[in-house]
Protein backbone atom coordinates (compact mmCIF):
# COMPACT_ATOMS: atom_id res chain seq x y z
CA MET A 1 148.53 163.08 185.13
CA SER A 2 144.83 163.56 184.52
CA GLN A 3 145.09 161.72 181.18
CA LEU A 4 146.91 158.80 182.75
CA ALA A 5 144.28 158.55 185.45
CA ALA A 6 141.50 158.45 182.83
CA VAL A 7 143.20 155.61 180.96
CA CYS A 8 143.59 153.63 184.17
CA VAL A 9 139.91 154.08 184.96
CA LEU A 10 138.88 152.83 181.46
CA LEU A 11 141.11 149.73 181.74
CA ALA A 12 139.68 148.92 185.11
CA PHE A 13 136.15 149.23 183.75
CA ALA A 14 136.94 146.91 180.84
CA VAL A 15 138.47 144.23 183.09
CA THR A 16 135.52 144.42 185.43
CA SER A 17 133.06 144.03 182.53
CA ARG A 18 134.90 140.95 181.14
CA ALA A 19 134.98 139.36 184.52
CA GLN A 20 131.28 139.89 184.90
CA THR A 21 130.63 138.35 181.43
CA LYS A 22 132.58 135.14 182.11
CA ARG A 23 131.18 134.63 185.54
CA PRO A 24 128.36 132.02 185.47
CA ASP A 25 124.87 132.89 186.27
CA ALA A 26 124.53 132.72 189.97
CA ASN A 27 120.97 131.48 189.56
CA GLN A 28 121.97 128.49 187.20
CA PRO A 29 124.13 125.58 188.31
CA VAL A 30 127.38 125.05 186.45
CA ALA A 31 126.46 121.48 185.43
CA ALA A 32 123.24 122.67 183.80
CA GLN A 33 125.14 125.32 181.92
CA VAL A 34 127.66 122.75 180.69
CA MET A 35 124.90 120.40 179.54
CA SER A 36 123.17 123.23 177.76
CA GLU A 37 126.39 124.14 175.98
CA LEU A 38 126.97 120.48 175.05
CA ARG A 39 123.44 120.17 173.69
CA ALA A 40 123.88 123.32 171.64
CA ALA A 41 127.19 122.02 170.34
CA GLY A 42 125.58 118.63 169.47
CA GLU A 43 122.73 120.32 167.67
CA ALA A 44 125.20 122.45 165.77
CA ARG A 45 127.24 119.37 164.78
CA GLY A 46 124.01 117.56 163.73
CA GLN A 47 122.89 120.53 161.66
CA LEU A 48 126.32 120.72 160.06
CA LEU A 49 126.29 116.99 159.27
CA LYS A 50 122.80 117.27 157.81
CA GLU A 51 123.85 120.17 155.65
CA GLN A 52 126.96 118.26 154.54
CA GLN A 53 124.81 115.25 153.61
CA GLN A 54 122.38 117.46 151.70
CA TRP A 55 125.25 119.10 149.90
CA ALA A 56 126.72 115.68 148.99
CA LEU A 57 123.31 114.57 147.71
CA GLU A 58 122.90 117.73 145.64
CA ARG A 59 126.45 117.30 144.35
CA ASP A 60 125.65 113.73 143.24
CA LYS A 61 122.46 114.93 141.57
CA LEU A 62 124.37 117.63 139.75
CA GLU A 63 127.00 115.12 138.64
CA LEU A 64 124.28 112.76 137.37
CA LEU A 65 122.54 115.63 135.60
CA LYS A 66 125.81 116.71 134.04
CA SER A 67 126.59 113.22 132.74
CA THR A 68 123.02 112.92 131.43
CA VAL A 69 123.28 116.25 129.64
CA ILE A 70 126.62 115.25 128.11
CA ARG A 71 125.24 111.87 127.00
CA GLU A 72 122.07 113.41 125.52
CA THR A 73 124.12 116.09 123.78
CA GLN A 74 126.29 113.44 122.16
CA ARG A 75 123.22 111.45 121.15
CA HIS A 76 121.54 114.48 119.60
CA ARG A 77 124.72 115.44 117.78
CA LYS A 78 124.95 111.94 116.35
CA ALA A 79 121.25 112.04 115.38
CA ALA A 80 121.76 115.45 113.78
CA ALA A 81 124.70 114.13 111.77
CA GLN A 82 122.64 111.16 110.61
CA ALA A 83 119.76 113.49 109.73
CA ARG A 84 122.09 115.69 107.67
CA GLN A 85 123.41 112.62 105.88
CA ALA A 86 119.86 111.40 105.21
CA GLU A 87 118.88 114.86 103.96
CA THR A 88 121.82 114.85 101.55
CA GLU A 89 120.80 111.43 100.25
CA LEU A 90 117.18 112.50 99.86
CA ARG A 91 118.22 115.62 97.96
CA ARG A 92 120.34 113.47 95.64
CA ARG A 93 117.48 111.07 95.04
CA LEU A 94 115.10 113.99 94.54
CA GLU A 95 117.33 115.37 91.81
CA GLN A 96 117.40 111.96 90.16
CA HIS A 97 113.61 111.76 90.32
CA LYS A 98 113.33 115.24 88.80
CA ILE A 99 115.57 114.22 85.91
CA ALA A 100 113.60 111.00 85.45
CA HIS A 101 110.33 112.95 85.60
CA GLN A 102 111.54 115.34 82.92
CA ARG A 103 112.54 112.41 80.73
CA LEU A 104 109.17 110.78 81.33
CA LYS A 105 107.39 113.97 80.32
CA ALA A 106 109.42 114.10 77.12
CA VAL A 107 108.60 110.46 76.36
CA GLU A 108 104.93 111.04 77.13
CA GLY A 109 104.92 113.94 74.69
CA VAL A 110 106.31 111.68 71.97
CA VAL A 111 103.80 108.95 72.84
CA ASP A 112 100.94 111.47 72.72
CA ALA A 113 102.03 112.57 69.27
CA LEU A 114 102.24 108.96 68.09
CA CYS A 115 98.80 108.20 69.54
CA GLU A 116 97.35 111.22 67.76
CA ARG A 117 98.79 110.08 64.44
CA LEU A 118 97.64 106.50 65.03
CA GLU A 119 94.08 107.52 65.91
CA LYS A 120 93.83 109.75 62.83
CA ALA A 121 95.18 106.94 60.64
CA LEU A 122 92.67 104.46 62.07
CA ALA A 123 89.83 106.95 61.59
CA ALA A 124 90.86 107.40 57.95
CA LEU A 125 91.08 103.62 57.54
CA ALA A 126 87.61 103.17 59.05
CA ASP A 127 86.15 105.68 56.56
CA LYS A 128 87.36 103.67 53.59
CA SER A 129 87.08 100.15 55.03
CA LEU A 130 84.18 97.74 55.22
CA PRO A 131 82.05 97.95 58.36
CA GLY A 132 83.35 95.76 61.18
CA LEU A 133 86.97 95.76 60.05
CA VAL A 134 88.09 98.71 62.20
CA PRO A 135 86.73 98.52 65.76
CA PRO A 136 85.36 101.75 67.25
CA ASP A 137 87.61 103.86 69.42
CA ARG A 138 86.32 103.07 72.91
CA ALA A 139 89.22 104.81 74.66
CA ALA A 140 88.64 108.32 73.31
CA GLY A 141 88.44 109.73 76.84
CA ILE A 142 91.77 108.29 77.96
CA THR A 143 94.41 110.97 78.54
CA GLU A 144 97.17 108.86 80.09
CA PRO A 145 99.74 108.31 77.32
CA GLY A 146 100.53 104.71 78.22
CA ARG A 147 96.90 103.59 78.33
CA ARG A 148 96.08 105.60 75.23
CA LEU A 149 98.87 103.90 73.28
CA ALA A 150 97.81 100.48 74.62
CA ALA A 151 94.26 101.12 73.40
CA GLY A 152 95.54 102.04 69.93
CA VAL A 153 97.73 98.95 69.75
CA ASP A 154 94.77 96.81 70.82
CA ARG A 155 92.70 98.24 67.96
CA LEU A 156 95.50 97.35 65.54
CA ARG A 157 95.51 93.76 66.85
CA GLN A 158 91.77 93.53 66.37
CA ILE A 159 92.04 94.86 62.81
CA ARG A 160 94.72 92.30 62.01
CA ARG A 161 92.61 89.50 63.44
CA ARG A 162 89.43 90.63 61.67
CA ALA A 163 91.29 90.99 58.37
CA LYS A 164 91.91 87.24 58.47
CA GLN A 165 88.34 86.25 59.35
CA ALA A 166 84.94 86.18 57.71
CA ALA A 167 82.04 87.69 59.61
CA VAL A 168 78.33 88.36 59.14
CA GLU A 169 77.01 91.66 60.44
CA VAL A 170 73.85 93.72 60.08
CA VAL A 171 74.69 97.07 58.53
CA SER A 172 72.98 99.88 56.67
CA GLY A 173 73.90 100.84 53.13
CA SER A 174 72.75 102.83 50.14
CA LEU A 175 70.95 100.88 47.39
CA GLU A 176 69.84 103.01 44.49
CA LYS A 177 69.93 106.13 46.66
CA GLN A 178 67.86 104.47 49.39
CA THR A 179 69.26 103.50 52.78
CA ILE A 180 68.32 99.96 53.81
CA ALA A 181 69.42 97.48 56.47
CA VAL A 182 71.05 94.31 55.18
CA LYS A 183 73.18 91.42 56.37
CA MET A 184 76.74 91.74 55.17
CA LEU A 185 79.25 88.92 54.76
CA ARG A 186 82.74 90.37 55.02
CA ALA A 187 85.78 88.41 53.88
CA GLY A 188 88.43 90.12 55.98
CA GLY A 189 88.90 93.60 54.59
CA VAL A 190 88.98 92.59 50.95
CA ALA A 191 85.41 92.06 49.78
CA ALA A 192 81.85 91.94 51.06
CA TRP A 193 78.47 90.67 49.94
CA TRP A 194 75.04 91.44 51.22
CA VAL A 195 71.61 89.87 51.40
CA SER A 196 68.39 91.61 52.31
CA LEU A 197 66.79 90.80 55.63
CA ASP A 198 64.05 88.88 53.80
CA GLY A 199 66.69 86.93 51.87
CA LYS A 200 65.36 87.83 48.42
CA GLN A 201 67.91 90.39 47.25
CA THR A 202 71.67 90.01 47.18
CA GLY A 203 74.68 91.79 45.84
CA THR A 204 78.14 93.13 46.56
CA ALA A 205 79.11 95.91 48.97
CA THR A 206 81.84 98.49 48.77
CA VAL A 207 82.77 101.63 50.69
CA ARG A 208 82.94 104.94 48.89
CA ASP A 209 83.69 108.22 50.69
CA GLY A 210 82.87 106.64 54.00
CA GLN A 211 79.47 105.37 52.85
CA MET A 212 78.40 101.77 52.27
CA ILE A 213 77.33 101.33 48.64
CA LEU A 214 75.18 98.30 47.83
CA ALA A 215 75.11 96.89 44.30
CA LEU A 216 72.32 94.52 43.34
CA ALA A 217 73.19 91.15 41.87
CA THR A 218 71.33 90.65 38.60
CA ARG A 219 72.40 87.13 37.70
CA LEU A 220 70.66 84.16 39.28
CA GLU A 221 73.92 82.23 39.78
CA ASP A 222 75.41 85.17 41.69
CA THR A 223 72.35 85.39 43.93
CA GLN A 224 72.44 81.66 44.64
CA ALA A 225 76.19 81.73 45.35
CA ILE A 226 75.79 84.64 47.80
CA GLN A 227 72.83 83.00 49.56
CA ASN A 228 74.78 79.73 49.83
CA ALA A 229 77.80 81.59 51.30
CA PHE A 230 75.59 83.23 53.94
CA ALA A 231 74.07 79.84 54.85
CA ILE A 232 77.54 78.33 55.29
CA ALA A 233 78.83 81.34 57.32
CA GLU A 234 75.78 81.26 59.59
CA GLY A 235 75.94 77.50 60.11
CA ARG A 236 72.79 76.75 58.16
CA GLY A 237 74.49 75.04 55.24
CA THR A 238 77.09 72.38 54.56
CA PRO A 239 80.56 73.81 53.94
CA ASN A 240 81.27 73.80 50.24
CA TRP A 241 83.06 75.79 47.60
CA SER A 242 81.12 78.78 46.34
CA LEU A 243 82.20 81.13 43.56
CA LEU A 244 81.20 84.63 44.65
CA PRO A 245 81.18 87.67 42.40
CA LEU A 246 83.73 90.32 43.27
CA GLN A 247 81.73 93.08 41.67
CA THR A 248 78.28 93.17 40.23
CA LYS A 249 77.32 95.12 37.14
CA ALA A 250 75.64 97.83 39.19
CA THR A 251 78.80 98.37 41.20
CA ARG A 252 80.98 98.68 38.15
CA GLU A 253 78.73 101.32 36.75
């Protein structure tokens, strides 16, 4: 019985407390309470709508960002594929250039060897040729094979041209073991005659062991023929036939 009475007392206390909670404030009118509740509900609905709008905006931003990321990813993948293709092509071309470079080096080695032989041959020819026939090597400092070969070929052209021409040059030679300066008339690379700078002595000229050897003309007709040939070559005389000695007696000795 005592337990039942305690339960009844607790239930009565709970009902009384709920009734007191639901009963409006005696100091606040009912209409004001209703308006307050409506305002709170409106504010809650406004806040909810605002949050929904913000969420929709963020969702749209995320969707736009996602599509942008996908599009950029595709673009970069395409660019990467093109870059790999370009790299493959460049590697192929690089290998071709390496092969071509190796071939060029081999050809340059052959050209260098040919230039070396040509220059030595021209130097040997100059030692045993009349002065002025072989032009000096003005490209001795050139190391590029192509230019070096072109310089050698140009010297050959000049030699060929000079071998067909007559020219008068001032040279030095040995006359009776004395070195003197004379004017030399060279007929290509075949023969040469000389006259002293004062015009009194004449003779023939030959090259021996790289040295110009002068032989004195002893006959009057040889001296006159040589002087006449110099006058014609230098434009001081009328062109005419002149029989020149090929070798003087001093040369033959």
